C-alpha atoms as a PDB file:
ATOM      1  CA  MET A   1      26.975  74.631 267.493  1.00  0.00           C
ATOM      2  CA  SER A   2      26.798  71.433 267.982  1.00  0.00           C
ATOM      3  CA  GLU A   3      30.557  69.565 269.213  1.00  0.00           C
ATOM      4  CA  ASP A   4      33.226  68.366 266.931  1.00  0.00           C
ATOM      5  CA  SER A   5      33.024  65.039 267.052  1.00  0.00           C
ATOM      6  CA  GLY A   6      37.316  65.305 266.102  1.00  0.00           C
ATOM      7  CA  ARG A   7      37.499  62.466 264.188  1.00  0.00           C
ATOM      8  CA  LYS A   8      40.881  62.328 262.723  1.00  0.00           C
ATOM      9  CA  TYR A   9      40.550  60.196 259.650  1.00  0.00           C
ATOM     10  CA  VAL A  10      42.946  57.193 260.699  1.00  0.00           C
ATOM     11  CA  ILE A  11      41.727  53.957 259.003  1.00  0.00           C
ATOM     12  CA  PRO A  12      43.405  51.414 260.669  1.00  0.00           C
ATOM     13  CA  ASP A  13      45.006  48.523 258.689  1.00  0.00           C
ATOM     14  CA  ASP A  14      42.085  45.806 260.280  1.00  0.00           C
ATOM     15  CA  PRO A  15      38.949  47.433 259.604  1.00  0.00           C
ATOM     16  CA  ALA A  16      38.308  45.570 263.037  1.00  0.00           C
ATOM     17  CA  ASP A  17      39.904  47.439 264.838  1.00  0.00           C
ATOM     18  CA  ARG A  18      37.192  51.118 263.942  1.00  0.00           C
ATOM     19  CA  PRO A  19      36.970  52.951 267.249  1.00  0.00           C
ATOM     20  CA  VAL A  20      33.123  53.336 267.937  1.00  0.00           C
ATOM     21  CA  ARG A  21      31.274  56.056 268.129  1.00  0.00           C
ATOM     22  CA  THR A  22      27.423  56.142 269.635  1.00  0.00           C
ATOM     23  CA  ARG A  23      25.186  59.337 269.717  1.00  0.00           C
ATOM     24  CA  ARG A  24      21.528  60.045 269.924  1.00  0.00           C
ATOM     25  CA  ALA A  25      20.651  62.331 266.126  1.00  0.00           C
ATOM     26  CA  VAL A  26      18.221  62.902 263.780  1.00  0.00           C
ATOM     27  CA  ARG A  27      18.090  63.722 260.466  1.00  0.00           C
ATOM     28  CA  VAL A  28      15.461  66.110 259.029  1.00  0.00           C
ATOM     29  CA  ILE A  29      13.764  65.772 255.756  1.00  0.00           C
ATOM     30  CA  VAL A  30      13.477  69.102 253.966  1.00  0.00           C
ATOM     31  CA  VAL A  31      10.547  70.090 251.345  1.00  0.00           C
ATOM     32  CA  GLY A  32      10.640  73.064 249.589  1.00  0.00           C
ATOM     33  CA  PRO A  33       7.611  74.767 247.435  1.00  0.00           C
ATOM     34  CA  ASP A  34       7.926  73.167 244.330  1.00  0.00           C
ATOM     35  CA  GLU A  35       7.800  69.897 245.630  1.00  0.00           C
ATOM     36  CA  ARG A  36      11.355  69.439 246.248  1.00  0.00           C
ATOM     37  CA  VAL A  37      13.800  67.530 248.817  1.00  0.00           C
ATOM     38  CA  LEU A  38      17.581  68.826 250.449  1.00  0.00           C
ATOM     39  CA  LEU A  39      19.697  66.684 250.409  1.00  0.00           C
ATOM     40  CA  PHE A  40      23.690  67.059 250.913  1.00  0.00           C
ATOM     41  CA  GLU A  41      25.855  64.799 249.175  1.00  0.00           C
ATOM     42  CA  ASP A  42      28.688  62.583 251.955  1.00  0.00           C
ATOM     43  CA  SER A  43      31.756  61.055 251.516  1.00  0.00           C
ATOM     44  CA  ASP A  44      34.305  59.523 253.078  1.00  0.00           C
ATOM     45  CA  PRO A  45      37.688  61.045 253.149  1.00  0.00           C
ATOM     46  CA  GLY A  46      39.379  57.123 253.192  1.00  0.00           C
ATOM     47  CA  ILE A  47      37.638  55.669 250.338  1.00  0.00           C
ATOM     48  CA  ALA A  48      38.611  57.925 247.271  1.00  0.00           C
ATOM     49  CA  GLY A  49      34.925  59.074 244.847  1.00  0.00           C
ATOM     50  CA  VAL A  50      32.610  56.705 246.913  1.00  0.00           C
ATOM     51  CA  THR A  51      29.958  59.823 247.741  1.00  0.00           C
ATOM     52  CA  TRP A  52      25.926  58.893 248.776  1.00  0.00           C
ATOM     53  CA  TRP A  53      23.088  61.279 249.712  1.00  0.00           C
ATOM     54  CA  VAL A  54      21.750  61.917 253.298  1.00  0.00           C
ATOM     55  CA  THR A  55      18.823  64.326 255.085  1.00  0.00           C
ATOM     56  CA  PRO A  56      20.360  67.265 257.238  1.00  0.00           C
ATOM     57  CA  GLY A  57      20.286  66.537 260.939  1.00  0.00           C
ATOM     58  CA  GLY A  58      23.258  65.069 263.605  1.00  0.00           C
ATOM     59  CA  GLY A  59      24.234  64.513 266.400  1.00  0.00           C
ATOM     60  CA  MET A  60      22.408  66.145 270.219  1.00  0.00           C
ATOM     61  CA  ASP A  61      23.852  68.371 271.701  1.00  0.00           C
ATOM     62  CA  PRO A  62      23.580  67.543 276.408  1.00  0.00           C
ATOM     63  CA  GLY A  63      20.103  68.677 277.333  1.00  0.00           C
ATOM     64  CA  GLU A  64      18.712  68.864 273.742  1.00  0.00           C
ATOM     65  CA  SER A  65      15.401  68.093 272.954  1.00  0.00           C
ATOM     66  CA  GLU A  66      15.073  66.392 269.165  1.00  0.00           C
ATOM     67  CA  ARG A  67      12.742  69.539 268.140  1.00  0.00           C
ATOM     68  CA  ALA A  68      15.755  71.332 268.872  1.00  0.00           C
ATOM     69  CA  THR A  69      18.280  69.711 267.936  1.00  0.00           C
ATOM     70  CA  ALA A  70      16.686  69.894 264.169  1.00  0.00           C
ATOM     71  CA  VAL A  71      16.274  73.362 264.822  1.00  0.00           C
ATOM     72  CA  ARG A  72      20.343  73.521 265.516  1.00  0.00           C
ATOM     73  CA  GLU A  73      20.677  70.802 262.665  1.00  0.00           C
ATOM     74  CA  VAL A  74      18.472  72.442 260.033  1.00  0.00           C
ATOM     75  CA  ALA A  75      20.075  75.905 260.814  1.00  0.00           C
ATOM     76  CA  GLU A  76      23.850  75.196 260.482  1.00  0.00           C
ATOM     77  CA  GLU A  77      23.580  73.015 257.338  1.00  0.00           C
ATOM     78  CA  THR A  78      21.371  74.671 255.157  1.00  0.00           C
ATOM     79  CA  GLY A  79      21.133  78.128 256.542  1.00  0.00           C
ATOM     80  CA  TYR A  80      17.461  77.822 257.394  1.00  0.00           C
ATOM     81  CA  VAL A  81      15.870  79.590 260.683  1.00  0.00           C
ATOM     82  CA  LEU A  82      12.674  77.100 261.685  1.00  0.00           C
ATOM     83  CA  GLU A  83      10.344  77.123 264.312  1.00  0.00           C
ATOM     84  CA  GLU A  84      10.368  73.943 266.344  1.00  0.00           C
ATOM     85  CA  THR A  85       6.251  74.578 265.513  1.00  0.00           C
ATOM     86  CA  GLU A  86       7.247  73.737 262.178  1.00  0.00           C
ATOM     87  CA  LEU A  87       8.109  70.327 261.462  1.00  0.00           C
ATOM     88  CA  VAL A  88       6.419  67.160 261.289  1.00  0.00           C
ATOM     89  CA  GLY A  89       7.006  63.781 263.227  1.00  0.00           C
ATOM     90  CA  PRO A  90       8.808  62.536 264.704  1.00  0.00           C
ATOM     91  CA  LEU A  91       7.920  60.151 261.694  1.00  0.00           C
ATOM     92  CA  ALA A  92      10.124  57.250 262.423  1.00  0.00           C
ATOM     93  CA  THR A  93      12.492  55.933 264.395  1.00  0.00           C
ATOM     94  CA  ARG A  94      15.688  53.656 263.214  1.00  0.00           C
ATOM     95  CA  TYR A  95      19.146  52.164 264.725  1.00  0.00           C
ATOM     96  CA  ALA A  96      21.375  53.354 262.222  1.00  0.00           C
ATOM     97  CA  VAL A  97      25.212  51.724 262.340  1.00  0.00           C
ATOM     98  CA  HIS A  98      27.852  53.372 259.226  1.00  0.00           C
ATOM     99  CA  GLY A  99      30.856  51.694 259.066  1.00  0.00           C
ATOM    100  CA  TYR A 100      33.561  54.039 257.035  1.00  0.00           C
ATOM    101  CA  SER A 101      37.253  53.741 256.272  1.00  0.00           C
ATOM    102  CA  ASP A 102      38.422  55.354 260.029  1.00  0.00           C
ATOM    103  CA  GLN A 103      35.792  54.549 262.640  1.00  0.00           C
ATOM    104  CA  VAL A 104      31.920  53.154 262.981  1.00  0.00           C
ATOM    105  CA  LEU A 105      29.365  55.718 264.005  1.00  0.00           C
ATOM    106  CA  GLU A 106      26.168  54.356 265.800  1.00  0.00           C
ATOM    107  CA  GLN A 107      23.245  56.432 266.502  1.00  0.00           C
ATOM    108  CA  GLN A 108      19.376  56.377 267.170  1.00  0.00           C
ATOM    109  CA  GLU A 109      17.932  58.446 264.834  1.00  0.00           C
ATOM    110  CA  SER A 110      14.506  59.970 264.572  1.00  0.00           C
ATOM    111  CA  PHE A 111      13.520  61.179 261.622  1.00  0.00           C
ATOM    112  CA  TYR A 112      10.794  65.068 260.761  1.00  0.00           C
ATOM    113  CA  LEU A 113       9.532  67.175 258.154  1.00  0.00           C
ATOM    114  CA  VAL A 114      10.059  70.847 257.490  1.00  0.00           C
ATOM    115  CA  ARG A 115       8.155  73.115 254.352  1.00  0.00           C
ATOM    116  CA  VAL A 116       9.938  75.904 253.406  1.00  0.00           C
ATOM    117  CA  THR A 117       9.626  78.544 252.324  1.00  0.00           C
ATOM    118  CA  ALA A 118      12.305  79.441 248.517  1.00  0.00           C
ATOM    119  CA  PHE A 119      15.973  80.473 250.170  1.00  0.00           C
ATOM    120  CA  GLU A 120      19.477  80.546 249.494  1.00  0.00           C
ATOM    121  CA  ILE A 121      21.941  77.890 250.436  1.00  0.00           C
ATOM    122  CA  ASP A 122      23.999  78.595 253.259  1.00  0.00           C
ATOM    123  CA  ILE A 123      26.890  76.478 254.454  1.00  0.00           C
ATOM    124  CA  SER A 124      29.224  78.617 256.238  1.00  0.00           C
ATOM    125  CA  ALA A 125      27.781  76.490 259.751  1.00  0.00           C
ATOM    126  CA  HIS A 126      28.915  73.848 258.649  1.00  0.00           C
ATOM    127  CA  THR A 127      31.311  71.620 261.246  1.00  0.00           C
ATOM    128  CA  GLU A 128      34.779  70.896 260.544  1.00  0.00           C
ATOM    129  CA  GLU A 129      34.390  67.525 259.302  1.00  0.00           C
ATOM    130  CA  GLU A 130      31.335  68.960 257.854  1.00  0.00           C
ATOM    131  CA  GLN A 131      33.593  70.937 255.790  1.00  0.00           C
ATOM    132  CA  ILE A 132      35.578  67.790 254.741  1.00  0.00           C
ATOM    133  CA  THR A 133      33.175  64.733 254.203  1.00  0.00           C
ATOM    134  CA  LEU A 134      30.094  67.108 252.033  1.00  0.00           C
ATOM    135  CA  GLN A 135      30.772  66.887 248.761  1.00  0.00           C
ATOM    136  CA  GLY A 136      28.046  69.479 247.638  1.00  0.00           C
ATOM    137  CA  HIS A 137      23.831  69.880 247.810  1.00  0.00           C
ATOM    138  CA  ARG A 138      21.067  69.693 245.680  1.00  0.00           C
ATOM    139  CA  TRP A 139      17.481  70.364 245.335  1.00  0.00           C
ATOM    140  CA  TRP A 140      15.766  66.292 244.766  1.00  0.00           C
ATOM    141  CA  THR A 141      13.057  65.674 242.604  1.00  0.00           C
ATOM    142  CA  ARG A 142      10.582  62.719 244.012  1.00  0.00           C
ATOM    143  CA  ALA A 143      10.846  61.483 240.256  1.00  0.00           C
ATOM    144  CA  GLU A 144      15.091  61.410 240.329  1.00  0.00           C
ATOM    145  CA  ILE A 145      14.497  59.568 243.650  1.00  0.00           C
ATOM    146  CA  GLU A 146      12.472  56.935 241.942  1.00  0.00           C
ATOM    147  CA  ALA A 147      14.486  56.292 239.068  1.00  0.00           C
ATOM    148  CA  GLY A 148      17.454  54.687 241.885  1.00  0.00           C
ATOM    149  CA  ASP A 149      20.081  56.028 240.627  1.00  0.00           C
ATOM    150  CA  ALA A 150      22.045  57.347 243.395  1.00  0.00           C
ATOM    151  CA  TRP A 151      22.843  55.531 246.701  1.00  0.00           C
ATOM    152  CA  ILE A 152      20.641  57.825 249.014  1.00  0.00           C
ATOM    153  CA  TRP A 153      20.028  57.410 253.343  1.00  0.00           C
ATOM    154  CA  PRO A 154      17.395  56.119 254.650  1.00  0.00           C
ATOM    155  CA  VAL A 155      16.591  53.998 252.281  1.00  0.00           C
ATOM    156  CA  GLN A 156      12.523  54.747 252.868  1.00  0.00           C
ATOM    157  CA  LEU A 157      13.065  58.211 252.268  1.00  0.00           C
ATOM    158  CA  LEU A 158      10.118  58.664 250.625  1.00  0.00           C
ATOM    159  CA  GLU A 159       8.117  56.435 252.504  1.00  0.00           C
ATOM    160  CA  LEU A 160       8.425  59.052 255.607  1.00  0.00           C
ATOM    161  CA  TRP A 161       8.300  62.243 252.507  1.00  0.00           C
ATOM    162  CA  ASP A 162       5.201  60.188 252.250  1.00  0.00           C
ATOM    163  CA  ARG A 163       4.120  59.434 255.897  1.00  0.00           C
ATOM    164  CA  ALA A 164       4.196  63.209 256.593  1.00  0.00           C
ATOM    165  CA  ALA A 165       0.463  63.674 254.437  1.00  0.00           C
ATOM    166  CA  ASP A 166      -0.509  61.935 258.063  1.00  0.00           C
ATOM    167  CA  PRO A 167       0.923  63.536 261.168  1.00  0.00           C
ATOM    168  CA  ALA A 168      -1.244  61.462 263.585  1.00  0.00           C
ATOM    169  CA  LEU A 169       0.843  58.093 262.465  1.00  0.00           C
ATOM    170  CA  PRO A 170       2.770  56.777 264.771  1.00  0.00           C
ATOM    171  CA  PRO A 171       6.339  57.135 264.416  1.00  0.00           C
ATOM    172  CA  LEU A 172       7.909  53.832 262.184  1.00  0.00           C
ATOM    173  CA  GLU A 173      10.464  51.621 263.663  1.00  0.00           C
ATOM    174  CA  LEU A 174      12.474  51.308 261.756  1.00  0.00           C
ATOM    175  CA  GLY A 175      14.469  48.701 263.844  1.00  0.00           C
ATOM    176  CA  ARG A 176      18.586  48.384 262.406  1.00  0.00           C
ATOM    177  CA  GLN A 177      19.859  49.549 259.397  1.00  0.00           C
ATOM    178  CA  GLU A 178      23.363  49.031 258.139  1.00  0.00           C
ATOM    179  CA  GLU A 179      24.556  52.888 256.669  1.00  0.00           C
ATOM    180  CA  SER A 180      28.580  51.557 255.273  1.00  0.00           C
ATOM    181  CA  THR A 181      31.325  52.282 252.501  1.00  0.00           C
ATOM    182  CA  VAL A 182      32.442  49.724 255.232  1.00  0.00           C
ATOM    183  CA  PRO A 183      31.308  47.116 256.688  1.00  0.00           C
ATOM    184  CA  VAL A 184      30.554  46.461 260.041  1.00  0.00           C
END
C-alpha cells in the first residue's frame, strides 16, 4: 500500500503559507463493459460542500514503475486486480498543481486506460486520507461527462479516453495544469 501523506488538515491563515508536497503519480481511466468510466467524488475537508470527480490513481512508491503504480492504485482504490499488460498508454502526461485549503500538491502525472469486466467496487483498501476525502464513486457515460454539469479532473478526460483507440499515438503532453479549490 502506498505511503500515507501524514496530512493533518491544518488550514493556515494565509494560503501562501500552505506546505507544498511534490510527487510522481499515475491516473487510470477505468472503462467498464458498458462504455462507462469510473470516477471518484473527491473533496477538500477545509471547504464544506465542494466536490469534484477524478479517475483512480495516486502517488508512485519508491522504485515502482508507472505501470506497477497503476495496477496497485486500481486494486487499492477499486478492488479490481489487473495485469500491467492490460493498460493502454501512457496516453498523456502533465504537471498538475492541486491547491487545497491545507496544502499544495504538485505532481508529474501519467495517464493510462484499462478496460474491465463488470465488478463490485471494493473501497476497503482506501488509505486514511482517501477515507476522509473520497465521498463516493459512480460510473459515468460519455453523455453525462459531455453535459459538463460536474467538475471533472482532468478536463481532457474524454480526449484521453478517445486516444486509447490508437495505442500507437505518442503520449499527449498537457503541460502545467492547475486544479485547485484554493488557487495557488
